[in-house]
């Protein structure tokens, strides 16, 4: 019954939403700082290198957020 602790479930949901929000905000900031539209380049122009760079950026930010949340 320890695993069904409402406090732990609520904090996990709150931290997950907070982490996803920070990740989206950081991607939007990077999108604004780059000279071209990243999303357009990835989807319409099929720029694989840029897609890999964006994925690496998201993974890096997600690892930072995860470390900050879990201590």
N, C-alpha and C. Protein backbone atom coordinates (compact mmCIF):
# COMPACT_ATOMS: atom_id res chain seq x y z
N UNK A 1 0.80 -1.20 0.00
CA UNK A 1 0.00 0.00 0.00
C UNK A 1 0.85 1.27 0.00
N UNK A 2 2.13 1.13 0.30
CA UNK A 2 3.01 2.30 0.28
C UNK A 2 3.12 2.90 -1.12
N UNK A 3 2.97 2.07 -2.13
CA UNK A 3 3.16 2.52 -3.51
C UNK A 3 2.00 3.38 -4.00
N UNK A 4 0.86 3.35 -3.33
CA UNK A 4 -0.30 4.12 -3.73
C UNK A 4 -0.45 5.40 -2.91
N UNK A 5 0.66 5.95 -2.49
CA UNK A 5 0.63 7.17 -1.70
C UNK A 5 0.24 8.35 -2.60
N UNK A 6 -0.88 9.00 -2.28
CA UNK A 6 -1.40 10.10 -3.09
C UNK A 6 -0.40 11.25 -3.19
N UNK A 7 0.31 11.51 -2.11
CA UNK A 7 1.28 12.62 -2.11
C UNK A 7 2.39 12.38 -3.13
N UNK A 8 2.89 11.16 -3.21
CA UNK A 8 3.95 10.83 -4.17
C UNK A 8 3.44 10.89 -5.61
N UNK A 9 2.23 10.42 -5.83
CA UNK A 9 1.65 10.45 -7.17
C UNK A 9 1.43 11.89 -7.61
N UNK A 10 0.90 12.72 -6.73
CA UNK A 10 0.65 14.13 -7.06
C UNK A 10 1.95 14.87 -7.34
N UNK A 11 2.97 14.63 -6.54
CA UNK A 11 4.24 15.32 -6.77
C UNK A 11 4.89 14.86 -8.08
N UNK A 12 4.75 13.59 -8.42
CA UNK A 12 5.28 13.09 -9.70
C UNK A 12 4.59 13.76 -10.88
N UNK A 13 3.27 13.91 -10.79
CA UNK A 13 2.52 14.55 -11.86
C UNK A 13 2.90 16.02 -11.97
N UNK A 14 3.02 16.70 -10.85
CA UNK A 14 3.38 18.13 -10.86
C UNK A 14 4.78 18.32 -11.45
N UNK A 15 5.74 17.50 -11.03
CA UNK A 15 7.10 17.62 -11.56
C UNK A 15 7.16 17.27 -13.04
N UNK A 16 6.37 16.30 -13.48
CA UNK A 16 6.34 15.95 -14.90
C UNK A 16 5.82 17.11 -15.74
N UNK A 17 4.72 17.71 -15.30
CA UNK A 17 4.15 18.85 -16.02
C UNK A 17 5.12 20.02 -16.02
N UNK A 18 5.77 20.26 -14.90
CA UNK A 18 6.75 21.34 -14.80
C UNK A 18 7.93 21.09 -15.74
N UNK A 19 8.42 19.87 -15.78
CA UNK A 19 9.54 19.54 -16.66
C UNK A 19 9.18 19.68 -18.13
N UNK A 20 8.00 19.21 -18.52
CA UNK A 20 7.57 19.33 -19.91
C UNK A 20 7.39 20.79 -20.28
N UNK A 21 6.84 21.59 -19.37
CA UNK A 21 6.65 23.02 -19.63
C UNK A 21 8.00 23.72 -19.84
N UNK A 22 8.96 23.44 -19.00
CA UNK A 22 10.28 24.04 -19.14
C UNK A 22 10.94 23.60 -20.45
N UNK A 23 10.76 22.34 -20.83
CA UNK A 23 11.32 21.84 -22.08
C UNK A 23 10.71 22.55 -23.29
N UNK A 24 9.42 22.74 -23.29
CA UNK A 24 8.75 23.43 -24.40
C UNK A 24 9.18 24.89 -24.46
N UNK A 25 9.26 25.54 -23.31
CA UNK A 25 9.68 26.94 -23.29
C UNK A 25 11.11 27.08 -23.81
N UNK A 26 11.99 26.18 -23.41
CA UNK A 26 13.38 26.26 -23.88
C UNK A 26 13.47 26.01 -25.38
N UNK A 27 12.63 25.12 -25.91
CA UNK A 27 12.63 24.88 -27.36
C UNK A 27 12.13 26.12 -28.10
N UNK A 28 11.11 26.77 -27.56
CA UNK A 28 10.59 28.00 -28.19
C UNK A 28 11.65 29.09 -28.18
N UNK A 29 12.41 29.21 -27.10
CA UNK A 29 13.48 30.20 -27.03
C UNK A 29 14.55 29.91 -28.09
N UNK A 30 14.95 28.65 -28.21
CA UNK A 30 15.93 28.28 -29.24
C UNK A 30 15.37 28.55 -30.63
N UNK A 31 14.10 28.28 -30.83
CA UNK A 31 13.44 28.55 -32.11
C UNK A 31 13.52 30.03 -32.47
N UNK A 32 13.33 30.89 -31.48
CA UNK A 32 13.37 32.34 -31.72
C UNK A 32 14.79 32.84 -31.96
N UNK A 33 15.79 32.18 -31.38
CA UNK A 33 17.17 32.62 -31.51
C UNK A 33 17.83 32.21 -32.82
N UNK A 34 17.31 31.18 -33.45
CA UNK A 34 17.92 30.72 -34.69
C UNK A 34 17.44 31.56 -35.88
N UNK A 35 18.29 31.70 -36.90
CA UNK A 35 17.91 32.55 -38.04
C UNK A 35 16.77 31.98 -38.89
N UNK A 36 16.63 30.68 -38.94
CA UNK A 36 15.56 30.06 -39.72
C UNK A 36 14.58 29.37 -38.78
N UNK A 37 13.42 29.06 -39.30
CA UNK A 37 12.42 28.33 -38.52
C UNK A 37 12.83 26.86 -38.44
N UNK A 38 13.14 26.39 -37.24
CA UNK A 38 13.59 25.01 -37.07
C UNK A 38 12.52 24.02 -37.51
N UNK A 39 11.30 24.25 -37.07
CA UNK A 39 10.23 23.31 -37.36
C UNK A 39 10.00 23.20 -38.87
N UNK A 40 10.03 24.34 -39.57
CA UNK A 40 9.84 24.34 -41.03
C UNK A 40 10.98 23.59 -41.71
N UNK A 41 12.20 23.83 -41.26
CA UNK A 41 13.36 23.16 -41.84
C UNK A 41 13.28 21.64 -41.64
N UNK A 42 12.85 21.22 -40.47
CA UNK A 42 12.80 19.78 -40.17
C UNK A 42 11.66 19.11 -40.93
N UNK A 43 10.48 19.71 -40.92
CA UNK A 43 9.30 19.07 -41.51
C UNK A 43 9.25 19.24 -43.03
N UNK A 44 9.37 20.45 -43.51
CA UNK A 44 9.20 20.70 -44.94
C UNK A 44 10.46 20.42 -45.76
N UNK A 45 11.61 20.80 -45.25
CA UNK A 45 12.86 20.62 -45.99
C UNK A 45 13.54 19.28 -45.71
N UNK A 46 13.04 18.52 -44.75
CA UNK A 46 13.57 17.21 -44.36
C UNK A 46 15.06 17.29 -44.01
N UNK A 47 15.40 18.28 -43.19
CA UNK A 47 16.78 18.48 -42.76
C UNK A 47 17.07 17.51 -41.60
N UNK A 48 17.66 16.37 -41.91
CA UNK A 48 17.92 15.33 -40.91
C UNK A 48 18.93 15.77 -39.87
N UNK A 49 19.96 16.48 -40.29
CA UNK A 49 20.98 16.94 -39.34
C UNK A 49 20.37 17.89 -38.31
N UNK A 50 19.51 18.76 -38.75
CA UNK A 50 18.86 19.69 -37.82
C UNK A 50 17.90 18.95 -36.89
N UNK A 51 17.25 17.92 -37.40
CA UNK A 51 16.35 17.11 -36.56
C UNK A 51 17.14 16.38 -35.47
N UNK A 52 18.31 15.87 -35.83
CA UNK A 52 19.15 15.19 -34.84
C UNK A 52 19.64 16.20 -33.80
N UNK A 53 20.02 17.40 -34.24
CA UNK A 53 20.46 18.44 -33.31
C UNK A 53 19.33 18.84 -32.36
N UNK A 54 18.12 18.97 -32.87
CA UNK A 54 16.98 19.33 -32.03
C UNK A 54 16.68 18.23 -31.03
N UNK A 55 16.78 16.98 -31.46
CA UNK A 55 16.55 15.86 -30.55
C UNK A 55 17.62 15.82 -29.45
N UNK A 56 18.86 16.05 -29.82
CA UNK A 56 19.94 16.08 -28.83
C UNK A 56 19.74 17.21 -27.84
N UNK A 57 19.29 18.36 -28.33
CA UNK A 57 19.00 19.49 -27.45
C UNK A 57 17.90 19.13 -26.45
N UNK A 58 16.84 18.50 -26.94
CA UNK A 58 15.73 18.13 -26.05
C UNK A 58 16.16 17.10 -25.02
N UNK A 59 16.97 16.14 -25.43
CA UNK A 59 17.46 15.14 -24.48
C UNK A 59 18.35 15.80 -23.43
N UNK A 60 19.21 16.71 -23.85
CA UNK A 60 20.10 17.39 -22.91
C UNK A 60 19.31 18.22 -21.90
N UNK A 61 18.34 18.97 -22.38
CA UNK A 61 17.53 19.78 -21.47
C UNK A 61 16.71 18.89 -20.54
N UNK A 62 16.19 17.78 -21.06
CA UNK A 62 15.41 16.86 -20.24
C UNK A 62 16.28 16.25 -19.13
N UNK A 63 17.53 15.93 -19.45
CA UNK A 63 18.43 15.38 -18.42
C UNK A 63 18.74 16.43 -17.35
N UNK A 64 18.92 17.67 -17.75
CA UNK A 64 19.17 18.75 -16.78
C UNK A 64 17.96 18.94 -15.88
N UNK A 65 16.77 18.97 -16.47
CA UNK A 65 15.54 19.14 -15.69
C UNK A 65 15.35 17.96 -14.74
N UNK A 66 15.58 16.77 -15.24
CA UNK A 66 15.44 15.58 -14.41
C UNK A 66 16.39 15.60 -13.21
N UNK A 67 17.62 16.00 -13.45
CA UNK A 67 18.60 16.08 -12.36
C UNK A 67 18.21 17.14 -11.35
N UNK A 68 17.69 18.27 -11.84
CA UNK A 68 17.30 19.34 -10.93
C UNK A 68 16.11 18.94 -10.09
N UNK A 69 15.17 18.20 -10.66
CA UNK A 69 13.96 17.80 -9.93
C UNK A 69 14.27 16.72 -8.90
N UNK A 70 15.05 15.73 -9.29
CA UNK A 70 15.31 14.60 -8.41
C UNK A 70 16.52 14.78 -7.51
N UNK A 71 17.21 15.87 -7.65
CA UNK A 71 18.33 16.18 -6.77
C UNK A 71 19.51 15.37 -7.13
